[in-house]
């Protein structure tokens, strides 16, 4: 959810829903950050797609979903 969308969602939420809307936004931002860091780490170790780093000892071996725990809930990250 983009910042403008968050602001609009908060404006439309009742007082009782504001915390839930904000927590959902924080979870999405956190998930995006984790995926970005994971992608950067793989790229540093293995090189860009179809451009491996020679001699690094690391190779891309396909893809698999990862898992993270956000707010006590395990979520899949792709």
PDB file of N, CA and C in Angstrom:
ATOM      1  N   UNK A   1       0.851  -1.168   0.000  1.00  0.00           N
ATOM      2  CA  UNK A   1       0.000   0.000   0.000  1.00  0.00           C
ATOM      3  C   UNK A   1       0.899   1.233   0.000  1.00  0.00           C
ATOM      4  N   UNK A   2       0.680   2.103  -0.933  1.00  0.00           N
ATOM      5  CA  UNK A   2       1.471   3.318  -1.025  1.00  0.00           C
ATOM      6  C   UNK A   2       1.026   4.307   0.045  1.00  0.00           C
ATOM      7  N   UNK A   3       1.899   5.281   0.305  1.00  0.00           N
ATOM      8  CA  UNK A   3       1.617   6.242   1.367  1.00  0.00           C
ATOM      9  C   UNK A   3       0.291   6.973   1.154  1.00  0.00           C
ATOM     10  N   UNK A   4       0.017   7.398  -0.087  1.00  0.00           N
ATOM     11  CA  UNK A   4      -1.239   8.093  -0.375  1.00  0.00           C
ATOM     12  C   UNK A   4      -2.428   7.181  -0.102  1.00  0.00           C
ATOM     13  N   UNK A   5      -2.305   5.902  -0.435  1.00  0.00           N
ATOM     14  CA  UNK A   5      -3.374   4.950  -0.191  1.00  0.00           C
ATOM     15  C   UNK A   5      -3.564   4.743   1.306  1.00  0.00           C
ATOM     16  N   UNK A   6      -2.447   4.706   2.061  1.00  0.00           N
ATOM     17  CA  UNK A   6      -2.528   4.563   3.513  1.00  0.00           C
ATOM     18  C   UNK A   6      -3.276   5.740   4.112  1.00  0.00           C
ATOM     19  N   UNK A   7      -2.924   6.937   3.706  1.00  0.00           N
ATOM     20  CA  UNK A   7      -3.580   8.128   4.241  1.00  0.00           C
ATOM     21  C   UNK A   7      -5.076   8.090   3.952  1.00  0.00           C
ATOM     22  N   UNK A   8      -5.441   7.716   2.751  1.00  0.00           N
ATOM     23  CA  UNK A   8      -6.855   7.633   2.394  1.00  0.00           C
ATOM     24  C   UNK A   8      -7.561   6.559   3.224  1.00  0.00           C
ATOM     25  N   UNK A   9      -6.905   5.414   3.400  1.00  0.00           N
ATOM     26  CA  UNK A   9      -7.499   4.341   4.198  1.00  0.00           C
ATOM     27  C   UNK A   9      -7.677   4.777   5.649  1.00  0.00           C
ATOM     28  N   UNK A  10      -6.698   5.522   6.179  1.00  0.00           N
ATOM     29  CA  UNK A  10      -6.812   6.011   7.549  1.00  0.00           C
ATOM     30  C   UNK A  10      -7.938   7.031   7.678  1.00  0.00           C
ATOM     31  N   UNK A  11      -8.119   7.857   6.663  1.00  0.00           N
ATOM     32  CA  UNK A  11      -9.208   8.843   6.693  1.00  0.00           C
ATOM     33  C   UNK A  11     -10.575   8.175   6.717  1.00  0.00           C
ATOM     34  N   UNK A  12     -10.687   7.056   6.032  1.00  0.00           N
ATOM     35  CA  UNK A  12     -11.969   6.368   5.917  1.00  0.00           C
ATOM     36  C   UNK A  12     -12.245   5.427   7.102  1.00  0.00           C
ATOM     37  N   UNK A  13     -11.199   5.107   7.858  1.00  0.00           N
ATOM     38  CA  UNK A  13     -11.351   4.146   8.954  1.00  0.00           C
ATOM     39  C   UNK A  13     -11.992   4.809  10.168  1.00  0.00           C
ATOM     40  N   UNK A  14     -12.738   4.023  10.889  1.00  0.00           N
ATOM     41  CA  UNK A  14     -13.281   4.512  12.156  1.00  0.00           C
ATOM     42  C   UNK A  14     -12.157   4.527  13.178  1.00  0.00           C
ATOM     43  N   UNK A  15     -12.386   5.173  14.314  1.00  0.00           N
ATOM     44  CA  UNK A  15     -11.349   5.236  15.345  1.00  0.00           C
ATOM     45  C   UNK A  15     -10.890   3.850  15.771  1.00  0.00           C
ATOM     46  N   UNK A  16     -11.804   2.913  15.828  1.00  0.00           N
ATOM     47  CA  UNK A  16     -11.457   1.555  16.231  1.00  0.00           C
ATOM     48  C   UNK A  16     -10.666   0.791  15.185  1.00  0.00           C
ATOM     49  N   UNK A  17     -10.727   1.219  13.937  1.00  0.00           N
ATOM     50  CA  UNK A  17     -10.047   0.502  12.841  1.00  0.00           C
ATOM     51  C   UNK A  17      -8.679   1.074  12.507  1.00  0.00           C
ATOM     52  N   UNK A  18      -8.371   2.266  12.980  1.00  0.00           N
ATOM     53  CA  UNK A  18      -7.128   2.933  12.587  1.00  0.00           C
ATOM     54  C   UNK A  18      -5.898   2.103  12.920  1.00  0.00           C
ATOM     55  N   UNK A  19      -5.852   1.538  14.108  1.00  0.00           N
ATOM     56  CA  UNK A  19      -4.706   0.710  14.499  1.00  0.00           C
ATOM     57  C   UNK A  19      -4.527  -0.486  13.592  1.00  0.00           C
ATOM     58  N   UNK A  20      -5.633  -1.124  13.250  1.00  0.00           N
ATOM     59  CA  UNK A  20      -5.586  -2.300  12.378  1.00  0.00           C
ATOM     60  C   UNK A  20      -5.098  -1.930  10.974  1.00  0.00           C
ATOM     61  N   UNK A  21      -5.602  -0.813  10.443  1.00  0.00           N
ATOM     62  CA  UNK A  21      -5.178  -0.353   9.117  1.00  0.00           C
ATOM     63  C   UNK A  21      -3.688  -0.050   9.130  1.00  0.00           C
ATOM     64  N   UNK A  22      -3.230   0.651  10.148  1.00  0.00           N
ATOM     65  CA  UNK A  22      -1.818   1.019  10.226  1.00  0.00           C
ATOM     66  C   UNK A  22      -0.931  -0.209  10.392  1.00  0.00           C
ATOM     67  N   UNK A  23      -1.334  -1.145  11.248  1.00  0.00           N
ATOM     68  CA  UNK A  23      -0.541  -2.377  11.424  1.00  0.00           C
ATOM     69  C   UNK A  23      -0.445  -3.167  10.125  1.00  0.00           C
ATOM     70  N   UNK A  24      -1.536  -3.224   9.369  1.00  0.00           N
ATOM     71  CA  UNK A  24      -1.504  -3.910   8.077  1.00  0.00           C
ATOM     72  C   UNK A  24      -0.524  -3.263   7.125  1.00  0.00           C
ATOM     73  N   UNK A  25      -0.509  -1.918   7.137  1.00  0.00           N
ATOM     74  CA  UNK A  25       0.434  -1.187   6.288  1.00  0.00           C
ATOM     75  C   UNK A  25       1.878  -1.467   6.709  1.00  0.00           C
ATOM     76  N   UNK A  26       2.138  -1.441   8.020  1.00  0.00           N
ATOM     77  CA  UNK A  26       3.488  -1.710   8.525  1.00  0.00           C
ATOM     78  C   UNK A  26       3.927  -3.115   8.128  1.00  0.00           C
ATOM     79  N   UNK A  27       3.017  -4.081   8.200  1.00  0.00           N
ATOM     80  CA  UNK A  27       3.368  -5.449   7.811  1.00  0.00           C
ATOM     81  C   UNK A  27       3.736  -5.523   6.333  1.00  0.00           C
ATOM     82  N   UNK A  28       2.982  -4.854   5.479  1.00  0.00           N
ATOM     83  CA  UNK A  28       3.282  -4.869   4.046  1.00  0.00           C
ATOM     84  C   UNK A  28       4.629  -4.199   3.756  1.00  0.00           C
ATOM     85  N   UNK A  29       4.894  -3.075   4.390  1.00  0.00           N
ATOM     86  CA  UNK A  29       6.168  -2.367   4.183  1.00  0.00           C
ATOM     87  C   UNK A  29       7.328  -3.231   4.671  1.00  0.00           C
ATOM     88  N   UNK A  30       7.142  -3.882   5.810  1.00  0.00           N
ATOM     89  CA  UNK A  30       8.185  -4.760   6.352  1.00  0.00           C
ATOM     90  C   UNK A  30       8.448  -5.922   5.408  1.00  0.00           C
ATOM     91  N   UNK A  31       7.382  -6.523   4.906  1.00  0.00           N
ATOM     92  CA  UNK A  31       7.523  -7.653   3.980  1.00  0.00           C
ATOM     93  C   UNK A  31       8.266  -7.223   2.718  1.00  0.00           C
ATOM     94  N   UNK A  32       7.913  -6.068   2.165  1.00  0.00           N
ATOM     95  CA  UNK A  32       8.607  -5.556   0.976  1.00  0.00           C
ATOM     96  C   UNK A  32      10.085  -5.319   1.260  1.00  0.00           C
ATOM     97  N   UNK A  33      10.405  -4.795   2.444  1.00  0.00           N
ATOM     98  CA  UNK A  33      11.799  -4.541   2.811  1.00  0.00           C
ATOM     99  C   UNK A  33      12.590  -5.840   2.919  1.00  0.00           C
ATOM    100  N   UNK A  34      11.994  -6.852   3.540  1.00  0.00           N
ATOM    101  CA  UNK A  34      12.667  -8.149   3.689  1.00  0.00           C
ATOM    102  C   UNK A  34      12.937  -8.767   2.327  1.00  0.00           C
ATOM    103  N   UNK A  35      11.960  -8.740   1.437  1.00  0.00           N
ATOM    104  CA  UNK A  35      12.140  -9.293   0.095  1.00  0.00           C
ATOM    105  C   UNK A  35      13.242  -8.536  -0.640  1.00  0.00           C
ATOM    106  N   UNK A  36      13.273  -7.235  -0.505  1.00  0.00           N
ATOM    107  CA  UNK A  36      14.301  -6.427  -1.158  1.00  0.00           C
ATOM    108  C   UNK A  36      15.695  -6.786  -0.651  1.00  0.00           C
ATOM    109  N   UNK A  37      15.834  -6.933   0.657  1.00  0.00           N
ATOM    110  CA  UNK A  37      17.130  -7.299   1.244  1.00  0.00           C
ATOM    111  C   UNK A  37      17.544  -8.689   0.788  1.00  0.00           C
ATOM    112  N   UNK A  38      16.593  -9.631   0.747  1.00  0.00           N
ATOM    113  CA  UNK A  38      16.909 -10.991   0.294  1.00  0.00           C
ATOM    114  C   UNK A  38      17.380 -10.971  -1.166  1.00  0.00           C
ATOM    115  N   UNK A  39      16.693 -10.215  -2.003  1.00  0.00           N
ATOM    116  CA  UNK A  39      17.053 -10.119  -3.410  1.00  0.00           C
ATOM    117  C   UNK A  39      18.452  -9.522  -3.562  1.00  0.00           C
ATOM    118  N   UNK A  40      18.740  -8.458  -2.813  1.00  0.00           N
ATOM    119  CA  UNK A  40      20.061  -7.822  -2.886  1.00  0.00           C
ATOM    120  C   UNK A  40      21.159  -8.777  -2.444  1.00  0.00           C
ATOM    121  N   UNK A  41      20.893  -9.553  -1.393  1.00  0.00           N
ATOM    122  CA  UNK A  41      21.896 -10.499  -0.914  1.00  0.00           C
ATOM    123  C   UNK A  41      22.202 -11.559  -1.969  1.00  0.00           C
ATOM    124  N   UNK A  42      21.161 -12.099  -2.595  1.00  0.00           N
ATOM    125  CA  UNK A  42      21.373 -13.104  -3.638  1.00  0.00           C
ATOM    126  C   UNK A  42      22.156 -12.492  -4.796  1.00  0.00           C
ATOM    127  N   UNK A  43      21.818 -11.268  -5.179  1.00  0.00           N
ATOM    128  CA  UNK A  43      22.514 -10.619  -6.287  1.00  0.00           C
ATOM    129  C   UNK A  43      23.981 -10.365  -5.945  1.00  0.00           C
ATOM    130  N   UNK A  44      24.281  -9.986  -4.708  1.00  0.00           N
ATOM    131  CA  UNK A  44      25.669  -9.771  -4.304  1.00  0.00           C
ATOM    132  C   UNK A  44      26.455 -11.076  -4.314  1.00  0.00           C
ATOM    133  N   UNK A  45      25.833 -12.154  -3.866  1.00  0.00           N
ATOM    134  CA  UNK A  45      26.521 -13.444  -3.811  1.00  0.00           C
ATOM    135  C   UNK A  45      26.649 -14.109  -5.170  1.00  0.00           C
ATOM    136  N   UNK A  46      25.589 -14.009  -5.984  1.00  0.00           N
ATOM    137  CA  UNK A  46      25.525 -14.774  -7.230  1.00  0.00           C
ATOM    138  C   UNK A  46      25.679 -13.934  -8.486  1.00  0.00           C
ATOM    139  N   UNK A  47      25.511 -12.632  -8.374  1.00  0.00           N
ATOM    140  CA  UNK A  47      25.525 -11.775  -9.551  1.00  0.00           C
ATOM    141  C   UNK A  47      24.119 -11.577 -10.079  1.00  0.00           C
ATOM    142  N   UNK A  48      24.009 -10.710 -11.063  1.00  0.00           N
ATOM    143  CA  UNK A  48      22.708 -10.416 -11.668  1.00  0.00           C
ATOM    144  C   UNK A  48      22.202 -11.639 -12.431  1.00  0.00           C
ATOM    145  N   UNK A  49      20.901 -11.682 -12.686  1.00  0.00           N
ATOM    146  CA  UNK A  49      20.340 -12.771 -13.472  1.00  0.00           C
ATOM    147  C   UNK A  49      21.125 -12.925 -14.778  1.00  0.00           C
ATOM    148  N   UNK A  50      21.479 -14.153 -15.099  1.00  0.00           N
ATOM    149  CA  UNK A  50      22.180 -14.504 -16.346  1.00  0.00           C
ATOM    150  C   UNK A  50      23.563 -13.870 -16.463  1.00  0.00           C
ATOM    151  N   UNK A  51      24.092 -13.320 -15.371  1.00  0.00           N
ATOM    152  CA  UNK A  51      25.434 -12.733 -15.354  1.00  0.00           C
ATOM    153  C   UNK A  51      26.118 -13.135 -14.046  1.00  0.00           C
ATOM    154  N   UNK A  52      26.451 -14.423 -13.915  1.00  0.00           N
ATOM    155  CA  UNK A  52      27.026 -14.882 -12.652  1.00  0.00           C
ATOM    156  C   UNK A  52      28.393 -14.253 -12.373  1.00  0.00           C
ATOM    157  N   UNK A  53      28.712 -14.157 -11.102  1.00  0.00           N
ATOM    158  CA  UNK A  53      30.012 -13.657 -10.677  1.00  0.00           C
ATOM    159  C   UNK A  53      30.971 -14.839 -10.740  1.00  0.00           C
ATOM    160  N   UNK A  54      31.956 -14.764 -11.620  1.00  0.00           N
ATOM    161  CA  UNK A  54      32.880 -15.890 -11.756  1.00  0.00           C
ATOM    162  C   UNK A  54      33.746 -16.003 -10.513  1.00  0.00           C
ATOM    163  N   UNK A  55      33.927 -17.241 -10.078  1.00  0.00           N
ATOM    164  CA  UNK A  55      34.771 -17.519  -8.930  1.00  0.00           C
ATOM    165  C   UNK A  55      34.130 -17.241  -7.587  1.00  0.00           C
ATOM    166  N   UNK A  56      32.867 -16.874  -7.558  1.00  0.00           N
ATOM    167  CA  UNK A  56      32.242 -16.547  -6.267  1.00  0.00           C
ATOM    168  C   UNK A  56      31.906 -17.796  -5.453  1.00  0.00           C
ATOM    169  N   UNK A  57      31.719 -18.915  -6.121  1.00  0.00           N
ATOM    170  CA  UNK A  57      31.339 -20.132  -5.406  1.00  0.00           C
ATOM    171  C   UNK A  57      29.845 -20.251  -5.164  1.00  0.00           C
ATOM    172  N   UNK A  58      29.104 -19.246  -5.576  1.00  0.00           N
ATOM    173  CA  UNK A  58      27.654 -19.268  -5.405  1.00  0.00           C
ATOM    174  C   UNK A  58      26.977 -19.258  -6.762  1.00  0.00           C
ATOM    175  N   UNK A  59      25.882 -19.990  -6.863  1.00  0.00           N
ATOM    176  CA  UNK A  59      25.115 -20.036  -8.111  1.00  0.00           C
ATOM    177  C   UNK A  59      23.640 -20.000  -7.777  1.00  0.00           C
ATOM    178  N   UNK A  60      22.878 -19.437  -8.692  1.00  0.00           N
ATOM    179  CA  UNK A  60      21.423 -19.464  -8.530  1.00  0.00           C
ATOM    180  C   UNK A  60      20.961 -20.891  -8.806  1.00  0.00           C
ATOM    181  N   UNK A  61      20.079 -21.380  -7.979  1.00  0.00           N
ATOM    182  CA  UNK A  61      19.626 -22.749  -8.137  1.00  0.00           C
ATOM    183  C   UNK A  61      18.124 -22.861  -8.282  1.00  0.00           C
ATOM    184  N   UNK A  62      17.495 -21.875  -8.847  1.00  0.00           N
ATOM    185  CA  UNK A  62      16.040 -21.879  -8.937  1.00  0.00           C
ATOM    186  C   UNK A  62      15.486 -20.912  -7.916  1.00  0.00           C
ATOM    187  N   UNK A  63      14.256 -21.097  -7.569  1.00  0.00           N
ATOM    188  CA  UNK A  63      13.664 -20.208  -6.575  1.00  0.00           C
ATOM    189  C   UNK A  63      12.728 -20.993  -5.678  1.00  0.00           C
ATOM    190  N   UNK A  64      12.623 -20.527  -4.487  1.00  0.00           N
ATOM    191  CA  UNK A  64      11.705 -21.124  -3.527  1.00  0.00           C
ATOM    192  C   UNK A  64      11.199 -20.003  -2.637  1.00  0.00           C
ATOM    193  N   UNK A  65       9.991 -20.137  -2.210  1.00  0.00           N
ATOM    194  CA  UNK A  65       9.424 -19.126  -1.317  1.00  0.00           C
ATOM    195  C   UNK A  65      10.128 -19.193   0.030  1.00  0.00           C
ATOM    196  N   UNK A  66      10.308 -18.043   0.638  1.00  0.00           N
ATOM    197  CA  UNK A  66      10.854 -17.975   1.984  1.00  0.00           C
ATOM    198  C   UNK A  66       9.728 -17.727   2.968  1.00  0.00           C
ATOM    199  N   UNK A  67      10.062 -17.746   4.233  1.00  0.00           N
ATOM    200  CA  UNK A  67       9.055 -17.496   5.255  1.00  0.00           C
ATOM    201  C   UNK A  67       9.624 -16.526   6.278  1.00  0.00           C
ATOM    202  N   UNK A  68       8.785 -15.599   6.716  1.00  0.00           N
ATOM    203  CA  UNK A  68       9.144 -14.689   7.793  1.00  0.00           C
ATOM    204  C   UNK A  68       7.977 -14.649   8.774  1.00  0.00           C
ATOM    205  N   UNK A  69       8.260 -14.237   9.985  1.00  0.00           N
ATOM    206  CA  UNK A  69       7.222 -14.096  11.005  1.00  0.00           C
ATOM    207  C   UNK A  69       7.026 -12.607  11.236  1.00  0.00           C
ATOM    208  N   UNK A  70       5.809 -12.137  10.967  1.00  0.00           N
ATOM    209  CA  UNK A  70       5.451 -10.739  11.195  1.00  0.00           C
ATOM    210  C   UNK A  70       4.312 -10.693  12.202  1.00  0.00           C
ATOM    211  N   UNK A  71       4.560 -10.036  13.310  1.00  0.00           N
ATOM    212  CA  UNK A  71       3.532  -9.882  14.325  1.00  0.00           C
ATOM    213  C   UNK A  71       2.983 -11.234  14.794  1.00  0.00           C
ATOM    214  N   UNK A  72       3.886 -12.216  14.894  1.00  0.00           N
ATOM    215  CA  UNK A  72       3.494 -13.531  15.352  1.00  0.00           C
ATOM    216  C   UNK A  72       2.836 -14.424  14.323  1.00  0.00           C
ATOM    217  N   UNK A  73       2.754 -13.947  13.075  1.00  0.00           N
ATOM    218  CA  UNK A  73       2.123 -14.721  12.007  1.00  0.00           C
ATOM    219  C   UNK A  73       3.163 -15.059  10.953  1.00  0.00           C
ATOM    220  N   UNK A  74       3.304 -16.326  10.634  1.00  0.00           N
ATOM    221  CA  UNK A  74       4.257 -16.741   9.608  1.00  0.00           C
ATOM    222  C   UNK A  74       3.671 -16.438   8.239  1.00  0.00           C
ATOM    223  N   UNK A  75       4.469 -15.743   7.415  1.00  0.00           N
ATOM    224  CA  UNK A  75       4.012 -15.388   6.072  1.00  0.00           C
ATOM    225  C   UNK A  75       5.041 -15.823   5.048  1.00  0.00           C
ATOM    226  N   UNK A  76       4.561 -16.175   3.872  1.00  0.00           N
ATOM    227  CA  UNK A  76       5.419 -16.569   2.778  1.00  0.00           C
ATOM    228  C   UNK A  76       5.877 -15.329   2.030  1.00  0.00           C
ATOM    229  N   UNK A  77       7.161 -15.299   1.675  1.00  0.00           N
ATOM    230  CA  UNK A  77       7.679 -14.221   0.827  1.00  0.00           C
ATOM    231  C   UNK A  77       8.247 -14.853  -0.419  1.00  0.00           C
ATOM    232  N   UNK A  78       7.991 -14.211  -1.528  1.00  0.00           N
ATOM    233  CA  UNK A  78       8.428 -14.759  -2.816  1.00  0.00           C
ATOM    234  C   UNK A  78       9.416 -13.815  -3.451  1.00  0.00           C
TER     235      UNK A  78
END
